[in-house]
């Protein structure tokens, strides 16, 4: 019988996904701070803004921040659980190294 590894083990997966959610909640707050900073900067630099620009700025800054955060958190999730080590490199023996 083989031992479950990485995210195949329910206990490891539960811990890893809880950590992922905790990171994303904190980063959502960080994204909100970035949105507030962006709106303050635009207000000081350009003056009053139409509501459409405010909404576009909020969505653009926050969603971009969260997309980057989510992708990096998934990289850490994959690496931290040992999931990356399970990958089988099928062409490893076929690669000729230049010496």
PDB file of N, CA and C in Angstrom:
ATOM      1  N   UNK A   1       0.832  -1.175   0.000  1.00  0.00           N
ATOM      2  CA  UNK A   1       0.000   0.000   0.000  1.00  0.00           C
ATOM      3  C   UNK A   1       0.882   1.245   0.000  1.00  0.00           C
ATOM      4  N   UNK A   2       0.594   2.175  -0.898  1.00  0.00           N
ATOM      5  CA  UNK A   2       1.386   3.392  -0.970  1.00  0.00           C
ATOM      6  C   UNK A   2       0.796   4.445  -0.058  1.00  0.00           C
ATOM      7  N   UNK A   3       1.672   5.262   0.479  1.00  0.00           N
ATOM      8  CA  UNK A   3       1.244   6.338   1.380  1.00  0.00           C
ATOM      9  C   UNK A   3       0.804   7.531   0.547  1.00  0.00           C
ATOM     10  N   UNK A   4      -0.302   8.145   0.941  1.00  0.00           N
ATOM     11  CA  UNK A   4      -0.769   9.341   0.250  1.00  0.00           C
ATOM     12  C   UNK A   4       0.226  10.467   0.490  1.00  0.00           C
ATOM     13  N   UNK A   5       0.448  11.274  -0.544  1.00  0.00           N
ATOM     14  CA  UNK A   5       1.390  12.372  -0.428  1.00  0.00           C
ATOM     15  C   UNK A   5       0.711  13.691  -0.770  1.00  0.00           C
ATOM     16  N   UNK A   6       1.316  14.727  -0.306  1.00  0.00           N
ATOM     17  CA  UNK A   6       0.921  16.107  -0.617  1.00  0.00           C
ATOM     18  C   UNK A   6      -0.574  16.317  -0.430  1.00  0.00           C
ATOM     19  N   UNK A   7      -1.223  16.853  -1.436  1.00  0.00           N
ATOM     20  CA  UNK A   7      -2.634  17.202  -1.313  1.00  0.00           C
ATOM     21  C   UNK A   7      -3.561  15.996  -1.452  1.00  0.00           C
ATOM     22  N   UNK A   8      -3.003  14.810  -1.696  1.00  0.00           N
ATOM     23  CA  UNK A   8      -3.818  13.594  -1.733  1.00  0.00           C
ATOM     24  C   UNK A   8      -4.237  13.175  -0.323  1.00  0.00           C
ATOM     25  N   UNK A   9      -3.458  13.559   0.673  1.00  0.00           N
ATOM     26  CA  UNK A   9      -3.766  13.246   2.070  1.00  0.00           C
ATOM     27  C   UNK A   9      -4.759  14.293   2.589  1.00  0.00           C
ATOM     28  N   UNK A  10      -5.953  13.885   3.012  1.00  0.00           N
ATOM     29  CA  UNK A  10      -6.972  14.852   3.440  1.00  0.00           C
ATOM     30  C   UNK A  10      -6.528  15.761   4.587  1.00  0.00           C
ATOM     31  N   UNK A  11      -5.731  15.235   5.501  1.00  0.00           N
ATOM     32  CA  UNK A  11      -5.274  16.052   6.636  1.00  0.00           C
ATOM     33  C   UNK A  11      -4.314  17.147   6.176  1.00  0.00           C
ATOM     34  N   UNK A  12      -3.384  16.787   5.309  1.00  0.00           N
ATOM     35  CA  UNK A  12      -2.440  17.779   4.771  1.00  0.00           C
ATOM     36  C   UNK A  12      -3.198  18.789   3.918  1.00  0.00           C
ATOM     37  N   UNK A  13      -4.134  18.309   3.104  1.00  0.00           N
ATOM     38  CA  UNK A  13      -4.903  19.203   2.235  1.00  0.00           C
ATOM     39  C   UNK A  13      -5.725  20.194   3.053  1.00  0.00           C
ATOM     40  N   UNK A  14      -6.354  19.721   4.123  1.00  0.00           N
ATOM     41  CA  UNK A  14      -7.170  20.619   4.957  1.00  0.00           C
ATOM     42  C   UNK A  14      -6.317  21.708   5.581  1.00  0.00           C
ATOM     43  N   UNK A  15      -5.146  21.331   6.077  1.00  0.00           N
ATOM     44  CA  UNK A  15      -4.232  22.306   6.679  1.00  0.00           C
ATOM     45  C   UNK A  15      -3.742  23.307   5.635  1.00  0.00           C
ATOM     46  N   UNK A  16      -3.378  22.793   4.463  1.00  0.00           N
ATOM     47  CA  UNK A  16      -2.843  23.656   3.408  1.00  0.00           C
ATOM     48  C   UNK A  16      -3.899  24.637   2.906  1.00  0.00           C
ATOM     49  N   UNK A  17      -5.123  24.154   2.689  1.00  0.00           N
ATOM     50  CA  UNK A  17      -6.170  25.040   2.191  1.00  0.00           C
ATOM     51  C   UNK A  17      -6.601  26.055   3.243  1.00  0.00           C
ATOM     52  N   UNK A  18      -6.549  25.680   4.520  1.00  0.00           N
ATOM     53  CA  UNK A  18      -6.851  26.645   5.586  1.00  0.00           C
ATOM     54  C   UNK A  18      -5.806  27.756   5.590  1.00  0.00           C
ATOM     55  N   UNK A  19      -4.558  27.375   5.413  1.00  0.00           N
ATOM     56  CA  UNK A  19      -3.484  28.375   5.347  1.00  0.00           C
ATOM     57  C   UNK A  19      -3.669  29.277   4.127  1.00  0.00           C
ATOM     58  N   UNK A  20      -4.030  28.677   2.989  1.00  0.00           N
ATOM     59  CA  UNK A  20      -4.269  29.441   1.769  1.00  0.00           C
ATOM     60  C   UNK A  20      -5.381  30.464   1.987  1.00  0.00           C
ATOM     61  N   UNK A  21      -6.496  30.029   2.592  1.00  0.00           N
ATOM     62  CA  UNK A  21      -7.608  30.953   2.850  1.00  0.00           C
ATOM     63  C   UNK A  21      -7.200  32.073   3.806  1.00  0.00           C
ATOM     64  N   UNK A  22      -6.408  31.732   4.819  1.00  0.00           N
ATOM     65  CA  UNK A  22      -5.945  32.743   5.772  1.00  0.00           C
ATOM     66  C   UNK A  22      -5.078  33.788   5.060  1.00  0.00           C
ATOM     67  N   UNK A  23      -4.189  33.338   4.188  1.00  0.00           N
ATOM     68  CA  UNK A  23      -3.351  34.267   3.420  1.00  0.00           C
ATOM     69  C   UNK A  23      -4.222  35.162   2.546  1.00  0.00           C
ATOM     70  N   UNK A  24      -5.217  34.576   1.885  1.00  0.00           N
ATOM     71  CA  UNK A  24      -6.056  35.355   0.976  1.00  0.00           C
ATOM     72  C   UNK A  24      -6.901  36.387   1.726  1.00  0.00           C
ATOM     73  N   UNK A  25      -7.356  36.058   2.924  1.00  0.00           N
ATOM     74  CA  UNK A  25      -8.132  37.029   3.712  1.00  0.00           C
ATOM     75  C   UNK A  25      -7.250  38.220   4.093  1.00  0.00           C
ATOM     76  N   UNK A  26      -6.030  37.935   4.548  1.00  0.00           N
ATOM     77  CA  UNK A  26      -5.112  39.025   4.892  1.00  0.00           C
ATOM     78  C   UNK A  26      -4.760  39.863   3.662  1.00  0.00           C
ATOM     79  N   UNK A  27      -4.566  39.207   2.542  1.00  0.00           N
ATOM     80  CA  UNK A  27      -4.209  39.933   1.326  1.00  0.00           C
ATOM     81  C   UNK A  27      -5.391  40.726   0.771  1.00  0.00           C
ATOM     82  N   UNK A  28      -6.616  40.268   1.011  1.00  0.00           N
ATOM     83  CA  UNK A  28      -7.788  41.058   0.611  1.00  0.00           C
ATOM     84  C   UNK A  28      -7.797  42.384   1.360  1.00  0.00           C
ATOM     85  N   UNK A  29      -7.417  42.336   2.641  1.00  0.00           N
ATOM     86  CA  UNK A  29      -7.278  43.574   3.413  1.00  0.00           C
ATOM     87  C   UNK A  29      -6.157  44.453   2.877  1.00  0.00           C
ATOM     88  N   UNK A  30      -5.045  43.820   2.503  1.00  0.00           N
ATOM     89  CA  UNK A  30      -3.936  44.567   1.895  1.00  0.00           C
ATOM     90  C   UNK A  30      -4.351  45.194   0.570  1.00  0.00           C
ATOM     91  N   UNK A  31      -5.151  44.469  -0.201  1.00  0.00           N
ATOM     92  CA  UNK A  31      -5.666  45.010  -1.458  1.00  0.00           C
ATOM     93  C   UNK A  31      -6.576  46.203  -1.225  1.00  0.00           C
ATOM     94  N   UNK A  32      -7.375  46.138  -0.166  1.00  0.00           N
ATOM     95  CA  UNK A  32      -8.251  47.266   0.166  1.00  0.00           C
ATOM     96  C   UNK A  32      -7.421  48.496   0.532  1.00  0.00           C
ATOM     97  N   UNK A  33      -6.329  48.285   1.253  1.00  0.00           N
ATOM     98  CA  UNK A  33      -5.434  49.414   1.572  1.00  0.00           C
ATOM     99  C   UNK A  33      -4.818  50.006   0.306  1.00  0.00           C
ATOM    100  N   UNK A  34      -4.454  49.152  -0.645  1.00  0.00           N
ATOM    101  CA  UNK A  34      -3.914  49.643  -1.928  1.00  0.00           C
ATOM    102  C   UNK A  34      -4.961  50.440  -2.694  1.00  0.00           C
ATOM    103  N   UNK A  35      -6.205  49.989  -2.655  1.00  0.00           N
ATOM    104  CA  UNK A  35      -7.291  50.717  -3.320  1.00  0.00           C
ATOM    105  C   UNK A  35      -7.458  52.095  -2.693  1.00  0.00           C
ATOM    106  N   UNK A  36      -7.474  52.158  -1.368  1.00  0.00           N
ATOM    107  CA  UNK A  36      -7.624  53.439  -0.670  1.00  0.00           C
ATOM    108  C   UNK A  36      -6.465  54.371  -1.005  1.00  0.00           C
ATOM    109  N   UNK A  37      -5.247  53.832  -1.000  1.00  0.00           N
ATOM    110  CA  UNK A  37      -4.072  54.647  -1.341  1.00  0.00           C
ATOM    111  C   UNK A  37      -4.165  55.154  -2.782  1.00  0.00           C
ATOM    112  N   UNK A  38      -4.622  54.307  -3.698  1.00  0.00           N
ATOM    113  CA  UNK A  38      -4.766  54.711  -5.100  1.00  0.00           C
ATOM    114  C   UNK A  38      -5.798  55.812  -5.262  1.00  0.00           C
ATOM    115  N   UNK A  39      -6.929  55.672  -4.574  1.00  0.00           N
ATOM    116  CA  UNK A  39      -7.975  56.692  -4.678  1.00  0.00           C
ATOM    117  C   UNK A  39      -7.514  58.022  -4.090  1.00  0.00           C
ATOM    118  N   UNK A  40      -6.798  57.977  -2.983  1.00  0.00           N
ATOM    119  CA  UNK A  40      -6.273  59.212  -2.386  1.00  0.00           C
ATOM    120  C   UNK A  40      -5.272  59.871  -3.327  1.00  0.00           C
ATOM    121  N   UNK A  41      -4.376  59.075  -3.900  1.00  0.00           N
ATOM    122  CA  UNK A  41      -3.387  59.612  -4.837  1.00  0.00           C
ATOM    123  C   UNK A  41      -4.071  60.249  -6.043  1.00  0.00           C
ATOM    124  N   UNK A  42      -5.042  59.548  -6.632  1.00  0.00           N
ATOM    125  CA  UNK A  42      -5.735  60.095  -7.802  1.00  0.00           C
ATOM    126  C   UNK A  42      -6.513  61.355  -7.460  1.00  0.00           C
ATOM    127  N   UNK A  43      -7.092  61.394  -6.271  1.00  0.00           N
ATOM    128  CA  UNK A  43      -7.832  62.585  -5.844  1.00  0.00           C
ATOM    129  C   UNK A  43      -6.896  63.790  -5.719  1.00  0.00           C
ATOM    130  N   UNK A  44      -5.724  63.560  -5.124  1.00  0.00           N
ATOM    131  CA  UNK A  44      -4.762  64.656  -4.961  1.00  0.00           C
ATOM    132  C   UNK A  44      -4.142  65.072  -6.295  1.00  0.00           C
ATOM    133  N   UNK A  45      -3.929  64.105  -7.174  1.00  0.00           N
ATOM    134  CA  UNK A  45      -3.239  64.380  -8.438  1.00  0.00           C
ATOM    135  C   UNK A  45      -4.178  64.946  -9.495  1.00  0.00           C
ATOM    136  N   UNK A  46      -5.393  64.388  -9.599  1.00  0.00           N
ATOM    137  CA  UNK A  46      -6.289  64.770 -10.692  1.00  0.00           C
ATOM    138  C   UNK A  46      -7.529  65.530 -10.231  1.00  0.00           C
ATOM    139  N   UNK A  47      -7.742  65.625  -8.934  1.00  0.00           N
ATOM    140  CA  UNK A  47      -8.931  66.309  -8.449  1.00  0.00           C
ATOM    141  C   UNK A  47     -10.125  65.373  -8.394  1.00  0.00           C
ATOM    142  N   UNK A  48     -11.308  65.952  -8.321  1.00  0.00           N
ATOM    143  CA  UNK A  48     -12.519  65.126  -8.235  1.00  0.00           C
ATOM    144  C   UNK A  48     -12.662  64.198  -9.451  1.00  0.00           C
ATOM    145  N   UNK A  49     -13.132  62.978  -9.178  1.00  0.00           N
ATOM    146  CA  UNK A  49     -13.266  62.000 -10.251  1.00  0.00           C
ATOM    147  C   UNK A  49     -14.727  61.599 -10.397  1.00  0.00           C
ATOM    148  N   UNK A  50     -15.132  61.285 -11.640  1.00  0.00           N
ATOM    149  CA  UNK A  50     -16.501  60.777 -11.824  1.00  0.00           C
ATOM    150  C   UNK A  50     -16.636  59.395 -11.164  1.00  0.00           C
ATOM    151  N   UNK A  51     -17.857  59.046 -10.803  1.00  0.00           N
ATOM    152  CA  UNK A  51     -18.111  57.787 -10.103  1.00  0.00           C
ATOM    153  C   UNK A  51     -17.647  56.580 -10.919  1.00  0.00           C
ATOM    154  N   UNK A  52     -17.745  56.664 -12.248  1.00  0.00           N
ATOM    155  CA  UNK A  52     -17.319  55.554 -13.094  1.00  0.00           C
ATOM    156  C   UNK A  52     -15.814  55.312 -12.975  1.00  0.00           C
ATOM    157  N   UNK A  53     -15.059  56.379 -12.857  1.00  0.00           N
ATOM    158  CA  UNK A  53     -13.613  56.240 -12.701  1.00  0.00           C
ATOM    159  C   UNK A  53     -13.269  55.668 -11.328  1.00  0.00           C
ATOM    160  N   UNK A  54     -14.001  56.069 -10.319  1.00  0.00           N
ATOM    161  CA  UNK A  54     -13.780  55.541  -8.971  1.00  0.00           C
ATOM    162  C   UNK A  54     -14.061  54.039  -8.947  1.00  0.00           C
ATOM    163  N   UNK A  55     -15.183  53.632  -9.542  1.00  0.00           N
ATOM    164  CA  UNK A  55     -15.533  52.209  -9.581  1.00  0.00           C
ATOM    165  C   UNK A  55     -14.501  51.416 -10.378  1.00  0.00           C
ATOM    166  N   UNK A  56     -14.088  51.949 -11.524  1.00  0.00           N
ATOM    167  CA  UNK A  56     -13.082  51.262 -12.345  1.00  0.00           C
ATOM    168  C   UNK A  56     -11.750  51.144 -11.608  1.00  0.00           C
ATOM    169  N   UNK A  57     -11.375  52.176 -10.875  1.00  0.00           N
ATOM    170  CA  UNK A  57     -10.131  52.139 -10.102  1.00  0.00           C
ATOM    171  C   UNK A  57     -10.219  51.098  -8.998  1.00  0.00           C
ATOM    172  N   UNK A  58     -11.331  51.081  -8.282  1.00  0.00           N
ATOM    173  CA  UNK A  58     -11.508  50.105  -7.204  1.00  0.00           C
ATOM    174  C   UNK A  58     -11.411  48.683  -7.751  1.00  0.00           C
ATOM    175  N   UNK A  59     -12.177  48.400  -8.805  1.00  0.00           N
ATOM    176  CA  UNK A  59     -12.163  47.052  -9.379  1.00  0.00           C
ATOM    177  C   UNK A  59     -10.810  46.694  -9.983  1.00  0.00           C
ATOM    178  N   UNK A  60     -10.231  47.621 -10.722  1.00  0.00           N
ATOM    179  CA  UNK A  60      -8.952  47.346 -11.381  1.00  0.00           C
ATOM    180  C   UNK A  60      -7.825  47.090 -10.405  1.00  0.00           C
ATOM    181  N   UNK A  61      -7.683  47.949  -9.420  1.00  0.00           N
ATOM    182  CA  UNK A  61      -6.595  47.798  -8.450  1.00  0.00           C
ATOM    183  C   UNK A  61      -6.806  46.560  -7.589  1.00  0.00           C
ATOM    184  N   UNK A  62      -8.009  46.370  -7.065  1.00  0.00           N
ATOM    185  CA  UNK A  62      -8.247  45.257  -6.149  1.00  0.00           C
ATOM    186  C   UNK A  62      -8.162  43.907  -6.857  1.00  0.00           C
ATOM    187  N   UNK A  63      -8.779  43.802  -8.040  1.00  0.00           N
ATOM    188  CA  UNK A  63      -8.738  42.523  -8.754  1.00  0.00           C
ATOM    189  C   UNK A  63      -7.329  42.173  -9.237  1.00  0.00           C
ATOM    190  N   UNK A  64      -6.575  43.171  -9.672  1.00  0.00           N
ATOM    191  CA  UNK A  64      -5.192  42.916 -10.077  1.00  0.00           C
ATOM    192  C   UNK A  64      -4.357  42.461  -8.892  1.00  0.00           C
ATOM    193  N   UNK A  65      -4.529  43.124  -7.765  1.00  0.00           N
ATOM    194  CA  UNK A  65      -3.818  42.757  -6.542  1.00  0.00           C
ATOM    195  C   UNK A  65      -4.176  41.332  -6.123  1.00  0.00           C
ATOM    196  N   UNK A  66      -5.465  40.997  -6.143  1.00  0.00           N
ATOM    197  CA  UNK A  66      -5.908  39.675  -5.719  1.00  0.00           C
ATOM    198  C   UNK A  66      -5.490  38.580  -6.698  1.00  0.00           C
ATOM    199  N   UNK A  67      -5.450  38.878  -7.981  1.00  0.00           N
ATOM    200  CA  UNK A  67      -4.995  37.890  -8.958  1.00  0.00           C
ATOM    201  C   UNK A  67      -3.535  37.527  -8.711  1.00  0.00           C
ATOM    202  N   UNK A  68      -2.689  38.544  -8.543  1.00  0.00           N
ATOM    203  CA  UNK A  68      -1.279  38.292  -8.246  1.00  0.00           C
ATOM    204  C   UNK A  68      -1.095  37.550  -6.933  1.00  0.00           C
ATOM    205  N   UNK A  69      -1.839  37.945  -5.922  1.00  0.00           N
ATOM    206  CA  UNK A  69      -1.763  37.288  -4.621  1.00  0.00           C
ATOM    207  C   UNK A  69      -2.216  35.841  -4.710  1.00  0.00           C
ATOM    208  N   UNK A  70      -3.312  35.594  -5.404  1.00  0.00           N
ATOM    209  CA  UNK A  70      -3.831  34.239  -5.538  1.00  0.00           C
ATOM    210  C   UNK A  70      -2.864  33.315  -6.252  1.00  0.00           C
ATOM    211  N   UNK A  71      -2.266  33.806  -7.322  1.00  0.00           N
ATOM    212  CA  UNK A  71      -1.306  32.974  -8.057  1.00  0.00           C
ATOM    213  C   UNK A  71      -0.067  32.671  -7.218  1.00  0.00           C
ATOM    214  N   UNK A  72       0.445  33.671  -6.506  1.00  0.00           N
ATOM    215  CA  UNK A  72       1.612  33.419  -5.652  1.00  0.00           C
ATOM    216  C   UNK A  72       1.264  32.494  -4.496  1.00  0.00           C
ATOM    217  N   UNK A  73       0.079  32.647  -3.918  1.00  0.00           N
ATOM    218  CA  UNK A  73      -0.330  31.770  -2.821  1.00  0.00           C
ATOM    219  C   UNK A  73      -0.463  30.329  -3.308  1.00  0.00           C
ATOM    220  N   UNK A  74      -0.949  30.125  -4.543  1.00  0.00           N
ATOM    221  CA  UNK A  74      -1.026  28.770  -5.091  1.00  0.00           C
ATOM    222  C   UNK A  74       0.355  28.174  -5.325  1.00  0.00           C
ATOM    223  N   UNK A  75       1.309  29.006  -5.717  1.00  0.00           N
ATOM    224  CA  UNK A  75       2.687  28.519  -5.871  1.00  0.00           C
ATOM    225  C   UNK A  75       3.229  28.060  -4.529  1.00  0.00           C
ATOM    226  N   UNK A  76       3.008  28.842  -3.485  1.00  0.00           N
ATOM    227  CA  UNK A  76       3.471  28.457  -2.149  1.00  0.00           C
ATOM    228  C   UNK A  76       2.724  27.225  -1.643  1.00  0.00           C
ATOM    229  N   UNK A  77       1.434  27.120  -1.951  1.00  0.00           N
ATOM    230  CA  UNK A  77       0.660  25.944  -1.562  1.00  0.00           C
ATOM    231  C   UNK A  77       1.233  24.695  -2.214  1.00  0.00           C
ATOM    232  N   UNK A  78       1.493  24.765  -3.496  1.00  0.00           N
ATOM    233  CA  UNK A  78       2.024  23.622  -4.233  1.00  0.00           C
ATOM    234  C   UNK A  78       3.402  23.225  -3.740  1.00  0.00           C
ATOM    235  N   UNK A  79       4.250  24.202  -3.523  1.00  0.00           N
ATOM    236  CA  UNK A  79       5.615  23.926  -3.065  1.00  0.00           C
ATOM    237  C   UNK A  79       5.643  23.459  -1.617  1.00  0.00           C
ATOM    238  N   UNK A  80       4.855  24.099  -0.767  1.00  0.00           N
ATOM    239  CA  UNK A  80       4.894  23.805   0.659  1.00  0.00           C
ATOM    240  C   UNK A  80       4.311  22.454   1.046  1.00  0.00           C
ATOM    241  N   UNK A  81       3.450  21.889   0.203  1.00  0.00           N
ATOM    242  CA  UNK A  81       2.839  20.608   0.527  1.00  0.00           C
ATOM    243  C   UNK A  81       3.588  19.431  -0.074  1.00  0.00           C
ATOM    244  N   UNK A  82       4.624  19.699  -0.852  1.00  0.00           N
ATOM    245  CA  UNK A  82       5.360  18.615  -1.489  1.00  0.00           C
ATOM    246  C   UNK A  82       4.733  18.173  -2.794  1.00  0.00           C
ATOM    247  N   UNK A  83       3.738  18.896  -3.249  1.00  0.00           N
ATOM    248  CA  UNK A  83       3.043  18.546  -4.485  1.00  0.00           C
ATOM    249  C   UNK A  83       3.989  18.659  -5.685  1.00  0.00           C
ATOM    250  N   UNK A  84       4.906  19.610  -5.650  1.00  0.00           N
ATOM    251  CA  UNK A  84       5.845  19.797  -6.755  1.00  0.00           C
ATOM    252  C   UNK A  84       6.778  18.597  -6.924  1.00  0.00           C
ATOM    253  N   UNK A  85       7.121  17.935  -5.822  1.00  0.00           N
ATOM    254  CA  UNK A  85       8.038  16.806  -5.890  1.00  0.00           C
ATOM    255  C   UNK A  85       7.392  15.573  -6.518  1.00  0.00           C
ATOM    256  N   UNK A  86       6.076  15.554  -6.612  1.00  0.00           N
ATOM    257  CA  UNK A  86       5.378  14.402  -7.185  1.00  0.00           C
ATOM    258  C   UNK A  86       5.395  14.405  -8.712  1.00  0.00           C
ATOM    259  N   UNK A  87       5.794  15.491  -9.306  1.00  0.00           N
ATOM    260  CA  UNK A  87       5.780  15.594 -10.759  1.00  0.00           C
ATOM    261  C   UNK A  87       6.827  14.653 -11.342  1.00  0.00           C
ATOM    262  N   UNK A  88       6.433  13.913 -12.372  1.00  0.00           N
ATOM    263  CA  UNK A  88       7.340  12.990 -13.041  1.00  0.00           C
ATOM    264  C   UNK A  88       7.860  13.673 -14.302  1.00  0.00           C
ATOM    265  N   UNK A  89       9.164  13.831 -14.399  1.00  0.00           N
ATOM    266  CA  UNK A  89       9.779  14.442 -15.571  1.00  0.00           C
ATOM    267  C   UNK A  89      10.077  13.336 -16.574  1.00  0.00           C
ATOM    268  N   UNK A  90       9.229  13.182 -17.566  1.00  0.00           N
ATOM    269  CA  UNK A  90       9.341  12.079 -18.514  1.00  0.00           C
ATOM    270  C   UNK A  90      10.485  12.258 -19.511  1.00  0.00           C
ATOM    271  N   UNK A  91      10.931  13.475 -19.747  1.00  0.00           N
ATOM    272  CA  UNK A  91      11.999  13.677 -20.720  1.00  0.00           C
ATOM    273  C   UNK A  91      13.346  13.962 -20.065  1.00  0.00           C
ATOM    274  N   UNK A  92      13.449  13.761 -18.762  1.00  0.00           N
ATOM    275  CA  UNK A  92      14.681  14.052 -18.046  1.00  0.00           C
ATOM    276  C   UNK A  92      15.870  13.282 -18.615  1.00  0.00           C
ATOM    277  N   UNK A  93      15.669  12.022 -18.957  1.00  0.00           N
ATOM    278  CA  UNK A  93      16.751  11.204 -19.488  1.00  0.00           C
ATOM    279  C   UNK A  93      17.065  11.507 -20.945  1.00  0.00           C
ATOM    280  N   UNK A  94      16.157  12.167 -21.647  1.00  0.00           N
ATOM    281  CA  UNK A  94      16.354  12.462 -23.059  1.00  0.00           C
ATOM    282  C   UNK A  94      17.112  13.753 -23.301  1.00  0.00           C
ATOM    283  N   UNK A  95      17.219  14.603 -22.299  1.00  0.00           N
ATOM    284  CA  UNK A  95      17.884  15.884 -22.454  1.00  0.00           C
ATOM    285  C   UNK A  95      19.382  15.669 -22.442  1.00  0.00           C
ATOM    286  N   UNK A  96      20.041  16.218 -23.456  1.00  0.00           N
ATOM    287  CA  UNK A  96      21.502  16.117 -23.545  1.00  0.00           C
ATOM    288  C   UNK A  96      22.095  17.400 -22.989  1.00  0.00           C
ATOM    289  N   UNK A  97      22.935  17.259 -21.987  1.00  0.00           N
ATOM    290  CA  UNK A  97      23.566  18.438 -21.390  1.00  0.00           C
ATOM    291  C   UNK A  97      24.812  18.805 -22.173  1.00  0.00           C
ATOM    292  N   UNK A  98      24.950  20.096 -22.451  1.00  0.00           N
ATOM    293  CA  UNK A  98      26.155  20.586 -23.128  1.00  0.00           C
ATOM    294  C   UNK A  98      27.286  20.708 -22.133  1.00  0.00           C
ATOM    295  N   UNK A  99      28.399  20.143 -22.482  1.00  0.00           N
ATOM    296  CA  UNK A  99      29.544  20.232 -21.581  1.00  0.00           C
ATOM    297  C   UNK A  99      30.652  21.043 -22.184  1.00  0.00           C
TER     298      UNK A  99
END
